[in-house]
Amino acid sequence: MKILFIGGTGTISMAITRLLSQQGHELYLLNRGSRNYDLPENVKLITCDISNEEEAAKKLEGMSFDCVGEFIGFTVDQVERDYRLFKDKTKQYIYISSASAYQKPPQSYIITEQTPLENPYWEYSRNKKACEEFLMEKYRSEGFPVTIVRPSHTYDERSVPLGVHGKGGSWQVVKRIMQSKPVIIHGDGTSLWTITHNSDFAVGYAGLIGNPKAIGEAFHITSDESVSWNDIYKAIADALGKELKPVYVSSQTLAKMGDYDLTGSLIGDKANSVSFDNSKLKNAIGGFEAKVSAKEGIRRTVEYILTHEEYQNDDDEFDKWCDDVIAAVEKMESSFKS
């Protein structure tokens, strides 16, 4: 098939790019070119900023596709632009939404595609919901061939999955564990979470491309495995050969700190126990099973980061924030004991 990705080199999309390339599809990536290294040789590049709609339209003139995949659309104005650009150019438009848009707090910890989209804690999630609503209205009123995909916590070899981290990503937490320093875990670490390796996500996504069962439908793509945050952090420590020294802080307390957007990412997402029912996806593509366990995926990621210095980005601001929060917690606990 002839496929266009808007983006195509991010955490979620890079594995799909590699998989489709291996499968022999004619794949184009439309992006600004800032991360187009280490791509398969047969991937074709269209270099432009899609936010410049006039420039993008010129670059796409005379082209049509079996599928267009949007990975970097976060607001309604962006998917409106995509609709104008691609409504007559593609047989399918796959939009990456987010499982964080599902109801928070959830009425049931088992999430299906019928779970309401209602997240009052995170603007990011509300924007994704609004994008979905616009696209589905275009499907109902005009037959625009949209497919909605809702990833949950998808990760790759460049960053370990965490509940709390700074603007520099996961490295500083990895470094703290290596230095035998305590690390912050939200709540008591026992809530259940689902992490999905991007290589597994890619298989599910690829099964929806060109699939008539996918048009006008929404799917989440996740692992069937649910693990606690304690298990996730311990897997990181085990991969490093270090002892985990957790300091537990309630999500509400962390959200009130104000230094990072933890109201959205914790209260509106990671603080909630969730388990995803992937039956709809499995029925649509003839079966799906995530093969990379949380423990194995984390081990691979830690090994990769340790051998690639470009992903070892120190975040002194976050490191100090962790020390300050931990000191405040220890002081509070000490006063209770006295």
C-alpha atoms as a PDB file:
ATOM      1  CA  MET A   1       0.000   0.000   0.000  1.00  0.00           C
ATOM      2  CA  LYS A   2       0.962   3.641  -0.405  1.00  0.00           C
ATOM      3  CA  ILE A   3       1.054   5.187   3.064  1.00  0.00           C
ATOM      4  CA  LEU A   4       1.859   8.649   4.432  1.00  0.00           C
ATOM      5  CA  PHE A   5       2.774   9.360   8.044  1.00  0.00           C
ATOM      6  CA  ILE A   6       2.651  12.853   9.485  1.00  0.00           C
ATOM      7  CA  GLY A   7       5.639  12.583  11.808  1.00  0.00           C
ATOM      8  CA  GLY A   8       6.767   8.972  11.747  1.00  0.00           C
ATOM      9  CA  THR A   9       9.901   9.132  13.923  1.00  0.00           C
ATOM     10  CA  GLY A  10       8.495   9.448  17.460  1.00  0.00           C
ATOM     11  CA  THR A  11       8.181   6.966  20.298  1.00  0.00           C
ATOM     12  CA  ILE A  12       5.001   5.406  18.926  1.00  0.00           C
ATOM     13  CA  SER A  13       5.520   5.869  15.208  1.00  0.00           C
ATOM     14  CA  MET A  14       9.164   4.822  14.686  1.00  0.00           C
ATOM     15  CA  ALA A  15       8.432   1.139  15.280  1.00  0.00           C
ATOM     16  CA  ILE A  16       5.492   1.301  12.845  1.00  0.00           C
ATOM     17  CA  THR A  17       7.708   2.995  10.267  1.00  0.00           C
ATOM     18  CA  ARG A  18      10.257   0.192  10.585  1.00  0.00           C
ATOM     19  CA  LEU A  19       7.627  -2.557  10.437  1.00  0.00           C
ATOM     20  CA  LEU A  20       5.852  -1.191   7.347  1.00  0.00           C
ATOM     21  CA  SER A  21       9.208  -0.723   5.663  1.00  0.00           C
ATOM     22  CA  GLN A  22      10.051  -4.372   6.319  1.00  0.00           C
ATOM     23  CA  GLN A  23       6.674  -5.390   4.913  1.00  0.00           C
ATOM     24  CA  GLY A  24       7.488  -3.631   1.651  1.00  0.00           C
ATOM     25  CA  HIS A  25       4.904  -0.850   1.667  1.00  0.00           C
ATOM     26  CA  GLU A  26       5.527   2.428  -0.136  1.00  0.00           C
ATOM     27  CA  LEU A  27       5.919   4.663   2.908  1.00  0.00           C
ATOM     28  CA  TYR A  28       6.289   8.444   2.992  1.00  0.00           C
ATOM     29  CA  LEU A  29       7.084  10.536   6.069  1.00  0.00           C
ATOM     30  CA  LEU A  30       6.013  14.166   6.108  1.00  0.00           C
ATOM     31  CA  ASN A  31       7.907  16.058   8.790  1.00  0.00           C
ATOM     32  CA  ARG A  32      10.419  18.846   9.371  1.00  0.00           C
ATOM     33  CA  GLY A  33      13.380  16.488   9.054  1.00  0.00           C
ATOM     34  CA  SER A  34      14.803  17.035  12.533  1.00  0.00           C
ATOM     35  CA  ARG A  35      14.752  13.327  13.500  1.00  0.00           C
ATOM     36  CA  ASN A  36      15.048  11.562  10.150  1.00  0.00           C
ATOM     37  CA  TYR A  37      18.188   9.643  11.064  1.00  0.00           C
ATOM     38  CA  ASP A  38      18.412   5.874  11.350  1.00  0.00           C
ATOM     39  CA  LEU A  39      15.438   5.395   9.032  1.00  0.00           C
ATOM     40  CA  PRO A  40      15.076   2.409   6.677  1.00  0.00           C
ATOM     41  CA  GLU A  41      16.514   3.163   3.245  1.00  0.00           C
ATOM     42  CA  ASN A  42      13.244   2.596   1.398  1.00  0.00           C
ATOM     43  CA  VAL A  43      11.314   5.236   3.359  1.00  0.00           C
ATOM     44  CA  LYS A  44      10.607   8.366   1.301  1.00  0.00           C
ATOM     45  CA  LEU A  45      10.728  11.829   2.866  1.00  0.00           C
ATOM     46  CA  ILE A  46       8.571  14.898   2.300  1.00  0.00           C
ATOM     47  CA  THR A  47      10.287  17.661   4.240  1.00  0.00           C
ATOM     48  CA  CYS A  48       8.010  20.462   5.361  1.00  0.00           C
ATOM     49  CA  ASP A  49       6.204  21.836   8.398  1.00  0.00           C
ATOM     50  CA  ILE A  50       2.605  20.668   8.075  1.00  0.00           C
ATOM     51  CA  SER A  51       1.481  23.645  10.158  1.00  0.00           C
ATOM     52  CA  ASN A  52       2.267  25.642   7.019  1.00  0.00           C
ATOM     53  CA  GLU A  53      -0.800  24.345   5.202  1.00  0.00           C
ATOM     54  CA  GLU A  54      -0.066  26.138   1.933  1.00  0.00           C
ATOM     55  CA  GLU A  55       3.436  24.646   1.744  1.00  0.00           C
ATOM     56  CA  ALA A  56       2.138  21.170   2.663  1.00  0.00           C
ATOM     57  CA  ALA A  57      -0.560  21.360  -0.018  1.00  0.00           C
ATOM     58  CA  LYS A  58       2.057  22.175  -2.658  1.00  0.00           C
ATOM     59  CA  LYS A  59       4.280  19.294  -1.526  1.00  0.00           C
ATOM     60  CA  LEU A  60       1.315  16.887  -1.695  1.00  0.00           C
ATOM     61  CA  GLU A  61      -0.030  18.116  -5.028  1.00  0.00           C
ATOM     62  CA  GLY A  62      -0.963  15.235  -7.331  1.00  0.00           C
ATOM     63  CA  MET A  63      -0.439  12.603  -4.629  1.00  0.00           C
ATOM     64  CA  SER A  64      -2.969  10.189  -3.110  1.00  0.00           C
ATOM     65  CA  PHE A  65      -2.644   7.440  -0.521  1.00  0.00           C
ATOM     66  CA  ASP A  66      -4.230   4.259   0.732  1.00  0.00           C
ATOM     67  CA  CYS A  67      -3.707   5.513   4.278  1.00  0.00           C
ATOM     68  CA  VAL A  68      -2.594   8.679   6.070  1.00  0.00           C
ATOM     69  CA  GLY A  69      -1.464   8.326   9.684  1.00  0.00           C
ATOM     70  CA  GLU A  70      -1.482  11.413  11.938  1.00  0.00           C
ATOM     71  CA  PHE A  71       0.865  11.173  14.947  1.00  0.00           C
ATOM     72  CA  ILE A  72       1.341  14.810  15.926  1.00  0.00           C
ATOM     73  CA  GLY A  73      -2.201  16.210  15.939  1.00  0.00           C
ATOM     74  CA  PHE A  74      -3.115  17.468  19.387  1.00  0.00           C
ATOM     75  CA  THR A  75      -5.770  20.148  18.835  1.00  0.00           C
ATOM     76  CA  VAL A  76      -8.914  20.504  16.743  1.00  0.00           C
ATOM     77  CA  ASP A  77      -7.432  23.122  14.435  1.00  0.00           C
ATOM     78  CA  GLN A  78      -4.719  20.622  13.482  1.00  0.00           C
ATOM     79  CA  VAL A  79      -7.148  17.855  12.497  1.00  0.00           C
ATOM     80  CA  GLU A  80      -9.305  20.415  10.682  1.00  0.00           C
ATOM     81  CA  ARG A  81      -6.217  21.243   8.630  1.00  0.00           C
ATOM     82  CA  ASP A  82      -5.646  17.539   7.967  1.00  0.00           C
ATOM     83  CA  TYR A  83      -9.234  17.151   6.819  1.00  0.00           C
ATOM     84  CA  ARG A  84      -8.781  19.948   4.302  1.00  0.00           C
ATOM     85  CA  LEU A  85      -5.495  18.483   3.060  1.00  0.00           C
ATOM     86  CA  PHE A  86      -6.483  14.830   2.834  1.00  0.00           C
ATOM     87  CA  LYS A  87     -10.263  14.529   2.411  1.00  0.00           C
ATOM     88  CA  ASP A  88      -9.823  13.785  -1.301  1.00  0.00           C
ATOM     89  CA  LYS A  89      -6.381  12.184  -1.072  1.00  0.00           C
ATOM     90  CA  THR A  90      -6.734   9.088   1.114  1.00  0.00           C
ATOM     91  CA  LYS A  91      -8.818   5.950   1.515  1.00  0.00           C
ATOM     92  CA  GLN A  92      -8.162   5.943   5.284  1.00  0.00           C
ATOM     93  CA  TYR A  93      -7.054   8.471   7.890  1.00  0.00           C
ATOM     94  CA  ILE A  94      -5.768   7.028  11.187  1.00  0.00           C
ATOM     95  CA  TYR A  95      -5.683   9.476  14.064  1.00  0.00           C
ATOM     96  CA  ILE A  96      -3.588   8.843  17.167  1.00  0.00           C
ATOM     97  CA  SER A  97      -5.698   9.896  20.128  1.00  0.00           C
ATOM     98  CA  SER A  98      -4.981   8.846  23.732  1.00  0.00           C
ATOM     99  CA  ALA A  99      -6.319   6.358  26.267  1.00  0.00           C
ATOM    100  CA  SER A 100      -5.867   9.126  28.836  1.00  0.00           C
ATOM    101  CA  ALA A 101      -9.068  10.595  27.405  1.00  0.00           C
ATOM    102  CA  TYR A 102     -11.078   7.787  28.998  1.00  0.00           C
ATOM    103  CA  GLN A 103     -13.161   8.614  32.077  1.00  0.00           C
ATOM    104  CA  LYS A 104     -11.190   9.666  35.168  1.00  0.00           C
ATOM    105  CA  PRO A 105     -11.678   8.379  37.738  1.00  0.00           C
ATOM    106  CA  PRO A 106     -12.922   5.295  35.878  1.00  0.00           C
ATOM    107  CA  GLN A 107     -16.122   3.579  36.972  1.00  0.00           C
ATOM    108  CA  SER A 108     -14.421   0.259  36.233  1.00  0.00           C
ATOM    109  CA  TYR A 109     -10.728  -0.549  36.112  1.00  0.00           C
ATOM    110  CA  ILE A 110     -11.388  -2.607  32.949  1.00  0.00           C
ATOM    111  CA  ILE A 111     -11.351  -0.206  30.021  1.00  0.00           C
ATOM    112  CA  THR A 112     -13.129  -0.898  26.731  1.00  0.00           C
ATOM    113  CA  GLU A 113     -13.677   1.376  23.748  1.00  0.00           C
ATOM    114  CA  GLN A 114     -17.164   2.034  25.143  1.00  0.00           C
ATOM    115  CA  THR A 115     -15.757   3.603  28.318  1.00  0.00           C
ATOM    116  CA  PRO A 116     -16.812   7.279  28.248  1.00  0.00           C
ATOM    117  CA  LEU A 117     -14.290   9.923  27.219  1.00  0.00           C
ATOM    118  CA  GLU A 118     -14.321  12.312  30.156  1.00  0.00           C
ATOM    119  CA  ASN A 119     -11.152  13.607  31.793  1.00  0.00           C
ATOM    120  CA  PRO A 120     -11.636  16.844  33.771  1.00  0.00           C
ATOM    121  CA  TYR A 121      -8.028  16.817  35.011  1.00  0.00           C
ATOM    122  CA  TRP A 122      -5.994  17.054  31.807  1.00  0.00           C
ATOM    123  CA  GLU A 123      -6.419  19.538  28.959  1.00  0.00           C
ATOM    124  CA  TYR A 124      -4.308  17.314  26.700  1.00  0.00           C
ATOM    125  CA  SER A 125      -6.899  14.532  27.036  1.00  0.00           C
ATOM    126  CA  ARG A 126      -9.837  16.870  26.510  1.00  0.00           C
ATOM    127  CA  ASN A 127      -8.218  18.171  23.325  1.00  0.00           C
ATOM    128  CA  LYS A 128      -7.803  14.603  22.067  1.00  0.00           C
ATOM    129  CA  LYS A 129     -11.490  13.952  22.745  1.00  0.00           C
ATOM    130  CA  ALA A 130     -12.435  17.093  20.819  1.00  0.00           C
ATOM    131  CA  CYS A 131     -10.286  15.957  17.877  1.00  0.00           C
ATOM    132  CA  GLU A 132     -12.055  12.596  17.883  1.00  0.00           C
ATOM    133  CA  GLU A 133     -15.461  14.273  17.908  1.00  0.00           C
ATOM    134  CA  PHE A 134     -14.600  16.471  14.921  1.00  0.00           C
ATOM    135  CA  LEU A 135     -13.280  13.539  12.888  1.00  0.00           C
ATOM    136  CA  MET A 136     -16.169  11.214  13.711  1.00  0.00           C
ATOM    137  CA  GLU A 137     -18.657  13.928  12.739  1.00  0.00           C
ATOM    138  CA  LYS A 138     -16.910  14.173   9.360  1.00  0.00           C
ATOM    139  CA  TYR A 139     -17.198  10.393   9.033  1.00  0.00           C
ATOM    140  CA  ARG A 140     -20.925  10.427   9.841  1.00  0.00           C
ATOM    141  CA  SER A 141     -21.796  13.432   7.701  1.00  0.00           C
ATOM    142  CA  GLU A 142     -19.426  13.021   4.742  1.00  0.00           C
ATOM    143  CA  GLY A 143     -17.965   9.534   4.940  1.00  0.00           C
ATOM    144  CA  PHE A 144     -14.464  10.766   5.787  1.00  0.00           C
ATOM    145  CA  PRO A 145     -12.661   7.410   6.312  1.00  0.00           C
ATOM    146  CA  VAL A 146     -11.328   7.913   9.828  1.00  0.00           C
ATOM    147  CA  THR A 147      -9.960   5.329  12.259  1.00  0.00           C
ATOM    148  CA  ILE A 148      -9.237   6.377  15.851  1.00  0.00           C
ATOM    149  CA  VAL A 149      -6.374   4.718  17.752  1.00  0.00           C
ATOM    150  CA  ARG A 150      -5.918   5.290  21.483  1.00  0.00           C
ATOM    151  CA  PRO A 151      -2.484   4.334  22.832  1.00  0.00           C
ATOM    152  CA  SER A 152      -1.938   4.110  26.561  1.00  0.00           C
ATOM    153  CA  HIS A 153       1.604   4.258  27.982  1.00  0.00           C
ATOM    154  CA  THR A 154       3.692   3.248  24.959  1.00  0.00           C
ATOM    155  CA  TYR A 155       7.486   3.349  25.225  1.00  0.00           C
ATOM    156  CA  ASP A 156      10.587   2.460  23.235  1.00  0.00           C
ATOM    157  CA  GLU A 157      14.286   1.839  23.759  1.00  0.00           C
ATOM    158  CA  ARG A 158      15.012   5.540  24.294  1.00  0.00           C
ATOM    159  CA  SER A 159      13.103   6.139  27.555  1.00  0.00           C
ATOM    160  CA  VAL A 160      11.962   3.932  30.436  1.00  0.00           C
ATOM    161  CA  PRO A 161       8.313   4.215  31.537  1.00  0.00           C
ATOM    162  CA  LEU A 162       7.898   6.250  34.727  1.00  0.00           C
ATOM    163  CA  GLY A 163       5.151   7.797  36.797  1.00  0.00           C
ATOM    164  CA  VAL A 164       7.084  10.918  37.787  1.00  0.00           C
ATOM    165  CA  HIS A 165       9.891  12.514  35.789  1.00  0.00           C
ATOM    166  CA  GLY A 166      11.165  15.928  34.791  1.00  0.00           C
ATOM    167  CA  LYS A 167      11.258  17.784  31.507  1.00  0.00           C
ATOM    168  CA  GLY A 168      14.446  15.965  30.546  1.00  0.00           C
ATOM    169  CA  GLY A 169      12.764  12.564  30.424  1.00  0.00           C
ATOM    170  CA  SER A 170      13.585   9.356  32.248  1.00  0.00           C
ATOM    171  CA  TRP A 171      17.369   9.488  32.503  1.00  0.00           C
ATOM    172  CA  GLN A 172      17.576  11.410  35.778  1.00  0.00           C
ATOM    173  CA  VAL A 173      15.503   8.759  37.584  1.00  0.00           C
ATOM    174  CA  VAL A 174      17.691   6.022  36.109  1.00  0.00           C
ATOM    175  CA  LYS A 175      20.744   7.952  37.270  1.00  0.00           C
ATOM    176  CA  ARG A 176      19.352   8.356  40.793  1.00  0.00           C
ATOM    177  CA  ILE A 177      18.852   4.598  41.054  1.00  0.00           C
ATOM    178  CA  MET A 178      22.398   4.037  39.768  1.00  0.00           C
ATOM    179  CA  GLN A 179      23.682   6.428  42.440  1.00  0.00           C
ATOM    180  CA  SER A 180      21.683   4.580  45.143  1.00  0.00           C
ATOM    181  CA  LYS A 181      19.564   7.675  45.737  1.00  0.00           C
ATOM    182  CA  PRO A 182      15.871   7.438  46.678  1.00  0.00           C
ATOM    183  CA  VAL A 183      13.272   7.883  43.949  1.00  0.00           C
ATOM    184  CA  ILE A 184       9.707   9.162  44.165  1.00  0.00           C
ATOM    185  CA  ILE A 185       6.843   6.773  43.431  1.00  0.00           C
ATOM    186  CA  HIS A 186       3.325   8.191  43.430  1.00  0.00           C
ATOM    187  CA  GLY A 187       0.810   6.761  45.887  1.00  0.00           C
ATOM    188  CA  ASP A 188       1.966   3.539  47.509  1.00  0.00           C
ATOM    189  CA  GLY A 189       3.099   1.988  44.232  1.00  0.00           C
ATOM    190  CA  THR A 190       0.417  -0.714  44.235  1.00  0.00           C
ATOM    191  CA  SER A 191      -1.963   0.725  41.633  1.00  0.00           C
ATOM    192  CA  LEU A 192      -2.007  -1.235  38.382  1.00  0.00           C
ATOM    193  CA  TRP A 193      -0.743   0.169  35.115  1.00  0.00           C
ATOM    194  CA  THR A 194      -0.310  -1.013  31.539  1.00  0.00           C
ATOM    195  CA  ILE A 195       2.829  -0.296  29.547  1.00  0.00           C
ATOM    196  CA  THR A 196       3.178  -1.324  25.915  1.00  0.00           C
ATOM    197  CA  HIS A 197       6.410  -1.662  23.969  1.00  0.00           C
ATOM    198  CA  ASN A 198       6.234   0.214  20.688  1.00  0.00           C
ATOM    199  CA  SER A 199       7.173  -2.888  18.698  1.00  0.00           C
ATOM    200  CA  ASP A 200       3.977  -4.560  19.932  1.00  0.00           C
ATOM    201  CA  PHE A 201       1.905  -1.443  19.303  1.00  0.00           C
ATOM    202  CA  ALA A 202       3.208  -1.383  15.733  1.00  0.00           C
ATOM    203  CA  VAL A 203       1.772  -4.821  15.001  1.00  0.00           C
ATOM    204  CA  GLY A 204      -1.699  -3.794  16.141  1.00  0.00           C
ATOM    205  CA  TYR A 205      -1.571  -0.514  14.234  1.00  0.00           C
ATOM    206  CA  ALA A 206      -0.373  -2.180  11.025  1.00  0.00           C
ATOM    207  CA  GLY A 207      -3.311  -4.589  11.220  1.00  0.00           C
ATOM    208  CA  LEU A 208      -5.723  -1.656  11.029  1.00  0.00           C
ATOM    209  CA  ILE A 209      -4.206  -0.135   7.886  1.00  0.00           C
ATOM    210  CA  GLY A 210      -6.398  -0.871   4.903  1.00  0.00           C
ATOM    211  CA  ASN A 211      -8.770  -2.839   7.126  1.00  0.00           C
ATOM    212  CA  PRO A 212     -12.432  -2.172   6.237  1.00  0.00           C
ATOM    213  CA  LYS A 213     -13.457  -3.145   9.788  1.00  0.00           C
ATOM    214  CA  ALA A 214     -11.491  -0.163  11.084  1.00  0.00           C
ATOM    215  CA  ILE A 215     -13.274   2.630   9.202  1.00  0.00           C
ATOM    216  CA  GLY A 216     -15.439   4.769  11.473  1.00  0.00           C
ATOM    217  CA  GLU A 217     -14.230   2.892  14.556  1.00  0.00           C
ATOM    218  CA  ALA A 218     -12.028   3.543  17.603  1.00  0.00           C
ATOM    219  CA  PHE A 219      -9.528   1.074  19.049  1.00  0.00           C
ATOM    220  CA  HIS A 220      -7.039   1.094  21.863  1.00  0.00           C
ATOM    221  CA  ILE A 221      -3.838  -0.881  21.385  1.00  0.00           C
ATOM    222  CA  THR A 222      -2.143  -2.030  24.588  1.00  0.00           C
ATOM    223  CA  SER A 223      -0.582  -4.992  26.270  1.00  0.00           C
ATOM    224  CA  ASP A 224      -2.917  -7.339  28.153  1.00  0.00           C
ATOM    225  CA  GLU A 225      -0.462  -7.307  31.074  1.00  0.00           C
ATOM    226  CA  SER A 226      -1.132  -5.078  34.088  1.00  0.00           C
ATOM    227  CA  VAL A 227       1.689  -4.429  36.545  1.00  0.00           C
ATOM    228  CA  SER A 228       2.072  -2.288  39.642  1.00  0.00           C
ATOM    229  CA  TRP A 229       4.217   0.817  39.700  1.00  0.00           C
ATOM    230  CA  ASN A 230       6.356  -0.929  42.315  1.00  0.00           C
ATOM    231  CA  ASP A 231       6.995  -3.670  39.759  1.00  0.00           C
ATOM    232  CA  ILE A 232       7.883  -1.130  37.069  1.00  0.00           C
ATOM    233  CA  TYR A 233      10.411   0.716  39.225  1.00  0.00           C
ATOM    234  CA  LYS A 234      11.861  -2.519  40.590  1.00  0.00           C
ATOM    235  CA  ALA A 235      12.354  -3.780  37.044  1.00  0.00           C
ATOM    236  CA  ILE A 236      14.407  -0.659  36.313  1.00  0.00           C
ATOM    237  CA  ALA A 237      16.509  -1.191  39.450  1.00  0.00           C
ATOM    238  CA  ASP A 238      16.963  -4.902  38.670  1.00  0.00           C
ATOM    239  CA  ALA A 239      18.134  -4.077  35.146  1.00  0.00           C
ATOM    240  CA  LEU A 240      20.708  -1.734  36.677  1.00  0.00           C
ATOM    241  CA  GLY A 241      21.749  -4.269  39.320  1.00  0.00           C
ATOM    242  CA  LYS A 242      20.822  -1.798  42.062  1.00  0.00           C
ATOM    243  CA  GLU A 243      18.534  -1.744  45.078  1.00  0.00           C
ATOM    244  CA  LEU A 244      15.369   0.290  44.683  1.00  0.00           C
ATOM    245  CA  LYS A 245      14.928   2.927  47.393  1.00  0.00           C
ATOM    246  CA  PRO A 246      11.361   4.186  46.977  1.00  0.00           C
ATOM    247  CA  VAL A 247       9.840   7.197  48.680  1.00  0.00           C
ATOM    248  CA  TYR A 248       6.066   7.146  48.431  1.00  0.00           C
ATOM    249  CA  VAL A 249       4.226  10.437  47.994  1.00  0.00           C
ATOM    250  CA  SER A 250       0.503  10.764  47.360  1.00  0.00           C
ATOM    251  CA  SER A 251      -0.465  11.840  43.866  1.00  0.00           C
ATOM    252  CA  GLN A 252      -2.540  14.688  45.315  1.00  0.00           C
ATOM    253  CA  THR A 253       0.505  16.011  47.188  1.00  0.00           C
ATOM    254  CA  LEU A 254       2.700  15.790  44.088  1.00  0.00           C
ATOM    255  CA  ALA A 255       0.070  17.542  41.999  1.00  0.00           C
ATOM    256  CA  LYS A 256       0.011  20.443  44.457  1.00  0.00           C
ATOM    257  CA  MET A 257       3.762  20.985  44.133  1.00  0.00           C
ATOM    258  CA  GLY A 258       3.116  22.990  40.975  1.00  0.00           C
ATOM    259  CA  ASP A 259       6.562  22.565  39.448  1.00  0.00           C
ATOM    260  CA  TYR A 260       5.424  19.975  36.909  1.00  0.00           C
ATOM    261  CA  ASP A 261       2.063  19.139  35.321  1.00  0.00           C
ATOM    262  CA  LEU A 262       1.334  16.228  37.636  1.00  0.00           C
ATOM    263  CA  THR A 263      -2.362  16.982  37.998  1.00  0.00           C
ATOM    264  CA  GLY A 264      -2.893  15.894  34.425  1.00  0.00           C
ATOM    265  CA  SER A 265      -0.329  13.111  34.166  1.00  0.00           C
ATOM    266  CA  LEU A 266      -1.102  11.580  37.588  1.00  0.00           C
ATOM    267  CA  ILE A 267      -4.634  12.465  38.728  1.00  0.00           C
ATOM    268  CA  GLY A 268      -5.814  12.462  35.132  1.00  0.00           C
ATOM    269  CA  ASP A 269      -3.937   9.326  34.141  1.00  0.00           C
ATOM    270  CA  LYS A 270      -1.262   7.300  35.923  1.00  0.00           C
ATOM    271  CA  ALA A 271      -2.653   7.367  39.471  1.00  0.00           C
ATOM    272  CA  ASN A 272      -5.651   5.329  38.314  1.00  0.00           C
ATOM    273  CA  SER A 273      -5.553   1.533  38.143  1.00  0.00           C
ATOM    274  CA  VAL A 274      -6.470   0.438  34.623  1.00  0.00           C
ATOM    275  CA  SER A 275      -6.574  -2.764  32.637  1.00  0.00           C
ATOM    276  CA  PHE A 276      -7.445  -2.707  28.938  1.00  0.00           C
ATOM    277  CA  ASP A 277      -9.741  -5.130  27.154  1.00  0.00           C
ATOM    278  CA  ASN A 278      -8.290  -5.472  23.635  1.00  0.00           C
ATOM    279  CA  SER A 279     -11.057  -7.751  22.310  1.00  0.00           C
ATOM    280  CA  LYS A 280     -12.229  -5.245  19.707  1.00  0.00           C
ATOM    281  CA  LEU A 281      -8.760  -4.947  18.177  1.00  0.00           C
ATOM    282  CA  LYS A 282      -8.222  -8.718  18.228  1.00  0.00           C
ATOM    283  CA  ASN A 283     -11.521  -9.321  16.452  1.00  0.00           C
ATOM    284  CA  ALA A 284     -10.779  -6.673  13.831  1.00  0.00           C
ATOM    285  CA  ILE A 285      -7.305  -7.860  12.851  1.00  0.00           C
ATOM    286  CA  GLY A 286      -7.657 -11.593  13.474  1.00  0.00           C
ATOM    287  CA  GLY A 287      -5.795 -11.785  16.769  1.00  0.00           C
ATOM    288  CA  PHE A 288      -3.273  -9.693  18.644  1.00  0.00           C
ATOM    289  CA  GLU A 289      -0.876 -10.456  21.469  1.00  0.00           C
ATOM    290  CA  ALA A 290       1.753  -8.160  22.934  1.00  0.00           C
ATOM    291  CA  LYS A 291       4.914 -10.253  23.167  1.00  0.00           C
ATOM    292  CA  VAL A 292       7.241  -7.943  25.123  1.00  0.00           C
ATOM    293  CA  SER A 293       6.604  -8.178  28.866  1.00  0.00           C
ATOM    294  CA  ALA A 294       7.060  -5.131  31.075  1.00  0.00           C
ATOM    295  CA  LYS A 295      10.142  -6.639  32.701  1.00  0.00           C
ATOM    296  CA  GLU A 296      11.745  -7.600  29.390  1.00  0.00           C
ATOM    297  CA  GLY A 297      10.942  -4.289  27.714  1.00  0.00           C
ATOM    298  CA  ILE A 298      12.372  -2.294  30.598  1.00  0.00           C
ATOM    299  CA  ARG A 299      15.530  -4.421  30.600  1.00  0.00           C
ATOM    300  CA  ARG A 300      16.031  -3.749  26.886  1.00  0.00           C
ATOM    301  CA  THR A 301      15.461  -0.033  27.340  1.00  0.00           C
ATOM    302  CA  VAL A 302      17.883   0.284  30.257  1.00  0.00           C
ATOM    303  CA  GLU A 303      20.581  -1.586  28.327  1.00  0.00           C
ATOM    304  CA  TYR A 304      20.046   0.652  25.297  1.00  0.00           C
ATOM    305  CA  ILE A 305      20.191   3.900  27.264  1.00  0.00           C
ATOM    306  CA  LEU A 306      23.361   2.848  29.064  1.00  0.00           C
ATOM    307  CA  THR A 307      25.116   2.292  25.724  1.00  0.00           C
ATOM    308  CA  HIS A 308      23.821   5.463  24.035  1.00  0.00           C
ATOM    309  CA  GLU A 309      25.048   8.648  25.669  1.00  0.00           C
ATOM    310  CA  GLU A 310      22.739  10.816  23.567  1.00  0.00           C
ATOM    311  CA  TYR A 311      19.863   9.641  25.780  1.00  0.00           C
ATOM    312  CA  GLN A 312      21.668  10.347  29.043  1.00  0.00           C
ATOM    313  CA  ASN A 313      20.431  13.896  29.472  1.00  0.00           C
ATOM    314  CA  ASP A 314      21.016  15.220  32.976  1.00  0.00           C
ATOM    315  CA  ASP A 315      18.151  17.169  34.528  1.00  0.00           C
ATOM    316  CA  ASP A 316      19.608  19.001  37.534  1.00  0.00           C
ATOM    317  CA  GLU A 317      16.395  20.938  38.133  1.00  0.00           C
ATOM    318  CA  PHE A 318      14.337  17.754  38.496  1.00  0.00           C
ATOM    319  CA  ASP A 319      17.052  16.114  40.601  1.00  0.00           C
ATOM    320  CA  LYS A 320      16.946  18.996  43.077  1.00  0.00           C
ATOM    321  CA  TRP A 321      13.139  18.920  43.067  1.00  0.00           C
ATOM    322  CA  CYS A 322      13.239  15.234  44.001  1.00  0.00           C
ATOM    323  CA  ASP A 323      15.669  15.931  46.846  1.00  0.00           C
ATOM    324  CA  ASP A 324      13.481  18.758  48.146  1.00  0.00           C
ATOM    325  CA  VAL A 325      10.268  16.699  47.985  1.00  0.00           C
ATOM    326  CA  ILE A 326      11.910  13.713  49.686  1.00  0.00           C
ATOM    327  CA  ALA A 327      13.370  15.935  52.404  1.00  0.00           C
ATOM    328  CA  ALA A 328       9.931  17.470  53.041  1.00  0.00           C
ATOM    329  CA  VAL A 329       8.334  14.014  53.262  1.00  0.00           C
ATOM    330  CA  GLU A 330      10.994  12.768  55.662  1.00  0.00           C
ATOM    331  CA  LYS A 331      10.577  15.871  57.820  1.00  0.00           C
ATOM    332  CA  MET A 332       6.813  15.361  57.929  1.00  0.00           C
ATOM    333  CA  GLU A 333       7.200  11.693  58.859  1.00  0.00           C
ATOM    334  CA  SER A 334       9.694  12.624  61.576  1.00  0.00           C
ATOM    335  CA  SER A 335       7.289  15.137  63.097  1.00  0.00           C
ATOM    336  CA  PHE A 336       4.527  12.496  63.178  1.00  0.00           C
ATOM    337  CA  LYS A 337       6.813  10.088  65.025  1.00  0.00           C
ATOM    338  CA  SER A 338       7.791  12.699  67.586  1.00  0.00           C
END
